[in-house]
């Protein structure tokens, strides 16, 4: 199984699902030069959001701490600790801020 992100050009293979560890993220360089932070939860469900922390401009969200708040999965920035919902991209600590989310799927390896 591989993890794929929906980008403008179609589906982009990021990595094997087995390479992802629950609670840890990986950064993926996308064809347009932007970055995505990719995560998997303990049930094997993948998530992908923009890797750039909107509060600092640093590309570090893939190295954040993963958790749950009110049943929603989030990643906390390793810098200032703002939490971003992995499903919607909304900042849980400042409702006026959000990061991009990506449609993500798992697919059988060719």
N, C-alpha and C. Protein backbone atom coordinates (compact mmCIF):
# COMPACT_ATOMS: atom_id res chain seq x y z
N UNK A 1 0.85 -1.19 0.00
CA UNK A 1 0.00 0.00 0.00
C UNK A 1 0.89 1.25 0.00
N UNK A 2 0.48 2.24 -0.77
CA UNK A 2 1.19 3.51 -0.81
C UNK A 2 0.25 4.62 -0.39
N UNK A 3 0.83 5.73 0.06
CA UNK A 3 0.07 6.93 0.40
C UNK A 3 0.19 7.89 -0.77
N UNK A 4 -0.96 8.39 -1.24
CA UNK A 4 -0.99 9.31 -2.37
C UNK A 4 -1.74 10.57 -2.01
N UNK A 5 -1.25 11.71 -2.53
CA UNK A 5 -1.90 13.01 -2.33
C UNK A 5 -2.47 13.49 -3.65
N UNK A 6 -3.61 14.15 -3.59
CA UNK A 6 -4.21 14.76 -4.78
C UNK A 6 -3.56 16.12 -4.97
N UNK A 7 -2.89 16.29 -6.10
CA UNK A 7 -2.28 17.56 -6.48
C UNK A 7 -2.84 17.96 -7.83
N UNK A 8 -2.49 19.13 -8.33
CA UNK A 8 -3.05 19.64 -9.58
C UNK A 8 -2.84 18.66 -10.74
N UNK A 9 -1.71 17.96 -10.73
CA UNK A 9 -1.39 17.04 -11.82
C UNK A 9 -2.06 15.68 -11.68
N UNK A 10 -2.74 15.44 -10.57
CA UNK A 10 -3.36 14.13 -10.32
C UNK A 10 -2.89 13.57 -8.99
N UNK A 11 -2.82 12.27 -8.87
CA UNK A 11 -2.41 11.61 -7.63
C UNK A 11 -0.90 11.43 -7.61
N UNK A 12 -0.28 11.88 -6.52
CA UNK A 12 1.17 11.81 -6.34
C UNK A 12 1.49 10.80 -5.25
N UNK A 13 2.28 9.79 -5.57
CA UNK A 13 2.70 8.81 -4.58
C UNK A 13 3.74 9.45 -3.67
N UNK A 14 3.50 9.38 -2.35
CA UNK A 14 4.41 9.98 -1.37
C UNK A 14 5.36 8.94 -0.81
N UNK A 15 4.82 7.84 -0.31
CA UNK A 15 5.65 6.81 0.31
C UNK A 15 4.81 5.57 0.58
N UNK A 16 5.46 4.46 0.92
CA UNK A 16 4.68 3.30 1.35
C UNK A 16 3.98 3.61 2.67
N UNK A 17 2.77 3.11 2.84
CA UNK A 17 2.04 3.31 4.10
C UNK A 17 2.86 2.78 5.26
N UNK A 18 3.58 1.70 5.06
CA UNK A 18 4.39 1.10 6.13
C UNK A 18 5.53 1.99 6.59
N UNK A 19 5.89 3.02 5.81
CA UNK A 19 6.96 3.94 6.20
C UNK A 19 6.49 4.98 7.20
N UNK A 20 5.17 5.12 7.35
CA UNK A 20 4.63 6.10 8.29
C UNK A 20 4.42 5.45 9.66
N UNK A 21 4.77 6.19 10.70
CA UNK A 21 4.63 5.73 12.07
C UNK A 21 3.57 6.59 12.74
N UNK A 22 2.55 5.97 13.36
CA UNK A 22 1.54 6.78 14.05
C UNK A 22 2.21 7.74 15.05
N UNK A 23 1.76 9.00 15.01
CA UNK A 23 2.31 10.01 15.91
C UNK A 23 3.50 10.77 15.35
N UNK A 24 4.00 10.35 14.19
CA UNK A 24 5.12 11.04 13.56
C UNK A 24 4.76 11.38 12.12
N UNK A 25 5.25 12.50 11.65
CA UNK A 25 4.95 12.91 10.29
C UNK A 25 6.16 12.84 9.39
N UNK A 26 5.90 12.96 8.10
CA UNK A 26 6.96 13.08 7.10
C UNK A 26 6.62 14.28 6.22
N UNK A 27 7.64 14.91 5.70
CA UNK A 27 7.45 16.03 4.78
C UNK A 27 7.58 15.51 3.36
N UNK A 28 6.73 16.02 2.48
CA UNK A 28 6.78 15.64 1.07
C UNK A 28 6.90 16.90 0.23
N UNK A 29 7.87 16.91 -0.68
CA UNK A 29 8.03 18.01 -1.63
C UNK A 29 7.08 17.75 -2.80
N UNK A 30 6.23 18.71 -3.10
CA UNK A 30 5.23 18.56 -4.14
C UNK A 30 5.72 19.16 -5.46
N UNK A 31 5.11 18.77 -6.58
CA UNK A 31 5.57 19.24 -7.89
C UNK A 31 5.62 20.76 -8.04
N UNK A 32 4.74 21.49 -7.33
CA UNK A 32 4.74 22.95 -7.44
C UNK A 32 5.75 23.62 -6.52
N UNK A 33 6.56 22.83 -5.80
CA UNK A 33 7.58 23.37 -4.91
C UNK A 33 7.11 23.56 -3.48
N UNK A 34 5.82 23.39 -3.23
CA UNK A 34 5.32 23.49 -1.85
C UNK A 34 5.58 22.17 -1.13
N UNK A 35 5.27 22.15 0.17
CA UNK A 35 5.49 20.96 0.97
C UNK A 35 4.20 20.55 1.67
N UNK A 36 4.04 19.26 1.87
CA UNK A 36 2.93 18.71 2.64
C UNK A 36 3.50 17.95 3.82
N UNK A 37 2.78 17.97 4.92
CA UNK A 37 3.09 17.16 6.09
C UNK A 37 2.11 16.00 6.09
N UNK A 38 2.62 14.78 6.09
CA UNK A 38 1.79 13.58 5.96
C UNK A 38 1.88 12.78 7.25
N UNK A 39 0.71 12.34 7.73
CA UNK A 39 0.61 11.60 8.99
C UNK A 39 -0.29 10.40 8.81
N UNK A 40 -0.19 9.46 9.72
CA UNK A 40 -1.11 8.33 9.77
C UNK A 40 -1.49 8.14 11.24
N UNK A 41 -2.77 7.84 11.48
CA UNK A 41 -3.18 7.60 12.87
C UNK A 41 -3.03 6.12 13.21
N UNK A 42 -3.33 5.76 14.43
CA UNK A 42 -3.16 4.38 14.89
C UNK A 42 -4.06 3.39 14.14
N UNK A 43 -5.15 3.88 13.56
CA UNK A 43 -6.04 3.02 12.78
C UNK A 43 -5.57 2.87 11.33
N UNK A 44 -4.48 3.57 10.96
CA UNK A 44 -3.95 3.49 9.60
C UNK A 44 -4.52 4.51 8.64
N UNK A 45 -5.30 5.47 9.15
CA UNK A 45 -5.87 6.50 8.29
C UNK A 45 -4.85 7.60 8.05
N UNK A 46 -4.58 7.93 6.78
CA UNK A 46 -3.61 8.99 6.48
C UNK A 46 -4.26 10.38 6.44
N UNK A 47 -3.44 11.38 6.73
CA UNK A 47 -3.84 12.79 6.68
C UNK A 47 -2.70 13.57 6.03
N UNK A 48 -3.03 14.69 5.38
CA UNK A 48 -1.99 15.55 4.81
C UNK A 48 -2.44 17.00 4.89
N UNK A 49 -1.54 17.83 5.40
CA UNK A 49 -1.77 19.27 5.49
C UNK A 49 -0.52 19.97 4.97
N UNK A 50 -0.62 21.28 4.76
CA UNK A 50 0.56 22.05 4.39
C UNK A 50 1.60 21.96 5.49
N UNK A 51 2.85 21.92 5.12
CA UNK A 51 3.93 21.77 6.11
C UNK A 51 4.38 23.10 6.71
N UNK A 52 3.95 24.23 6.14
CA UNK A 52 4.41 25.53 6.61
C UNK A 52 3.57 26.02 7.78
N UNK A 53 4.24 26.34 8.88
CA UNK A 53 3.59 26.91 10.07
C UNK A 53 3.24 28.36 9.73
N UNK A 54 1.95 28.72 9.70
CA UNK A 54 1.58 30.08 9.32
C UNK A 54 2.00 31.13 10.34
N UNK A 55 2.33 30.75 11.54
CA UNK A 55 2.73 31.72 12.57
C UNK A 55 4.20 32.08 12.48
N UNK A 56 5.04 31.18 11.96
CA UNK A 56 6.48 31.45 11.88
C UNK A 56 7.02 31.44 10.46
N UNK A 57 6.29 30.81 9.54
CA UNK A 57 6.76 30.68 8.16
C UNK A 57 7.69 29.50 7.96
N UNK A 58 8.05 28.81 9.03
CA UNK A 58 8.95 27.66 8.92
C UNK A 58 8.19 26.42 8.46
N UNK A 59 8.86 25.60 7.68
CA UNK A 59 8.26 24.35 7.17
C UNK A 59 8.57 23.23 8.17
N UNK A 60 7.74 23.16 9.23
CA UNK A 60 8.05 22.25 10.34
C UNK A 60 6.87 21.43 10.85
N UNK A 61 5.68 21.59 10.29
CA UNK A 61 4.53 20.90 10.87
C UNK A 61 4.68 19.38 10.82
N UNK A 62 5.44 18.86 9.87
CA UNK A 62 5.65 17.41 9.80
C UNK A 62 6.40 16.90 11.03
N UNK A 63 7.06 17.78 11.75
CA UNK A 63 7.81 17.38 12.95
C UNK A 63 7.06 17.70 14.24
N UNK A 64 5.78 18.04 14.10
CA UNK A 64 4.97 18.39 15.26
C UNK A 64 4.49 17.20 16.06
N UNK A 65 3.86 17.49 17.19
CA UNK A 65 3.31 16.47 18.07
C UNK A 65 1.86 16.20 17.68
N UNK A 66 1.53 14.93 17.48
CA UNK A 66 0.19 14.54 17.06
C UNK A 66 -0.63 14.15 18.28
N UNK A 67 -1.89 14.56 18.30
CA UNK A 67 -2.78 14.23 19.40
C UNK A 67 -4.23 14.31 18.97
N UNK A 68 -5.14 14.31 19.96
CA UNK A 68 -6.58 14.43 19.69
C UNK A 68 -7.14 15.44 20.69
N UNK A 69 -8.07 16.26 20.19
CA UNK A 69 -8.79 17.22 21.03
C UNK A 69 -10.26 17.11 20.66
N UNK A 70 -11.10 16.81 21.62
CA UNK A 70 -12.53 16.64 21.38
C UNK A 70 -12.79 15.67 20.23
N UNK A 71 -12.02 14.59 20.20
CA UNK A 71 -12.19 13.56 19.19
C UNK A 71 -11.62 13.88 17.83
N UNK A 72 -10.97 15.03 17.67
CA UNK A 72 -10.42 15.45 16.38
C UNK A 72 -8.90 15.29 16.39
N UNK A 73 -8.33 14.71 15.33
CA UNK A 73 -6.87 14.59 15.26
C UNK A 73 -6.23 15.94 14.94
N UNK A 74 -5.10 16.21 15.58
CA UNK A 74 -4.39 17.47 15.32
C UNK A 74 -2.89 17.24 15.38
N UNK A 75 -2.15 18.22 14.85
CA UNK A 75 -0.71 18.28 15.03
C UNK A 75 -0.41 19.63 15.65
N UNK A 76 0.46 19.63 16.65
CA UNK A 76 0.90 20.87 17.29
C UNK A 76 2.25 21.26 16.71
N UNK A 77 2.36 22.49 16.28
CA UNK A 77 3.62 22.97 15.72
C UNK A 77 4.74 22.78 16.74
N UNK A 78 5.91 22.31 16.28
CA UNK A 78 7.02 22.14 17.22
C UNK A 78 7.61 23.47 17.70
N UNK A 79 7.22 24.57 17.07
CA UNK A 79 7.80 25.86 17.45
C UNK A 79 6.96 26.58 18.50
N UNK A 80 5.76 27.02 18.15
CA UNK A 80 4.94 27.80 19.08
C UNK A 80 3.77 27.01 19.66
N UNK A 81 3.64 25.75 19.25
CA UNK A 81 2.66 24.80 19.78
C UNK A 81 1.21 25.03 19.38
N UNK A 82 0.93 25.88 18.39
CA UNK A 82 -0.45 25.99 17.91
C UNK A 82 -0.85 24.65 17.31
N UNK A 83 -2.11 24.27 17.52
CA UNK A 83 -2.62 22.99 17.06
C UNK A 83 -3.45 23.16 15.80
N UNK A 84 -3.21 22.27 14.81
CA UNK A 84 -3.92 22.32 13.54
C UNK A 84 -4.68 21.02 13.34
N UNK A 85 -5.98 21.14 13.08
CA UNK A 85 -6.85 20.00 12.84
C UNK A 85 -6.37 19.30 11.56
N UNK A 86 -6.11 18.00 11.64
CA UNK A 86 -5.61 17.27 10.48
C UNK A 86 -6.67 17.02 9.41
N UNK A 87 -7.95 17.17 9.76
CA UNK A 87 -9.00 16.97 8.77
C UNK A 87 -9.38 18.26 8.05
N UNK A 88 -9.44 19.37 8.79
CA UNK A 88 -9.90 20.63 8.20
C UNK A 88 -8.78 21.65 7.96
N UNK A 89 -7.65 21.49 8.65
CA UNK A 89 -6.56 22.44 8.56
C UNK A 89 -6.72 23.64 9.49
N UNK A 90 -7.87 23.77 10.14
CA UNK A 90 -8.12 24.92 11.03
C UNK A 90 -7.21 24.89 12.25
N UNK A 91 -6.77 26.06 12.65
CA UNK A 91 -6.00 26.18 13.87
C UNK A 91 -6.97 26.12 15.05
N UNK A 92 -6.72 25.23 15.99
CA UNK A 92 -7.60 25.08 17.14
C UNK A 92 -7.39 26.17 18.17
N UNK A 93 -6.32 26.93 18.02
CA UNK A 93 -5.98 27.99 18.98
C UNK A 93 -6.23 29.39 18.45
N UNK A 94 -6.54 29.52 17.17
CA UNK A 94 -6.82 30.82 16.54
C UNK A 94 -7.71 30.54 15.33
N UNK A 95 -9.01 30.69 15.50
CA UNK A 95 -9.96 30.28 14.47
C UNK A 95 -9.85 31.06 13.16
N UNK A 96 -9.07 32.12 13.12
CA UNK A 96 -8.88 32.88 11.89
C UNK A 96 -7.74 32.35 11.03
N UNK A 97 -7.04 31.33 11.52
CA UNK A 97 -5.87 30.80 10.82
C UNK A 97 -6.12 29.34 10.44
N UNK A 98 -5.64 28.97 9.26
CA UNK A 98 -5.75 27.59 8.80
C UNK A 98 -4.58 27.28 7.88
N UNK A 99 -4.30 26.00 7.72
CA UNK A 99 -3.32 25.54 6.75
C UNK A 99 -4.06 24.73 5.69
N UNK A 100 -3.45 24.58 4.56
CA UNK A 100 -4.05 23.81 3.47
C UNK A 100 -4.17 22.34 3.85
N UNK A 101 -5.22 21.71 3.40
CA UNK A 101 -5.35 20.26 3.54
C UNK A 101 -5.29 19.63 2.16
N UNK A 102 -4.90 18.39 2.11
CA UNK A 102 -4.82 17.66 0.85
C UNK A 102 -5.69 16.42 0.94
N UNK A 103 -6.35 16.12 -0.16
CA UNK A 103 -7.05 14.84 -0.25
C UNK A 103 -5.98 13.76 -0.29
N UNK A 104 -6.16 12.75 0.51
CA UNK A 104 -5.13 11.70 0.63
C UNK A 104 -5.83 10.34 0.57
N UNK A 105 -5.14 9.38 -0.02
CA UNK A 105 -5.69 8.03 -0.10
C UNK A 105 -4.56 7.02 -0.01
N UNK A 106 -4.94 5.79 0.26
CA UNK A 106 -3.98 4.69 0.16
C UNK A 106 -4.36 3.89 -1.09
N UNK A 107 -3.35 3.39 -1.75
CA UNK A 107 -3.56 2.63 -2.98
C UNK A 107 -2.63 1.43 -2.99
N UNK A 108 -3.02 0.42 -3.70
CA UNK A 108 -2.18 -0.76 -3.85
C UNK A 108 -0.96 -0.38 -4.68
N UNK A 109 0.19 -0.83 -4.22
CA UNK A 109 1.43 -0.56 -4.96
C UNK A 109 1.39 -1.27 -6.31
N UNK A 110 1.92 -0.63 -7.35
CA UNK A 110 1.88 -1.24 -8.69
C UNK A 110 2.70 -2.51 -8.77
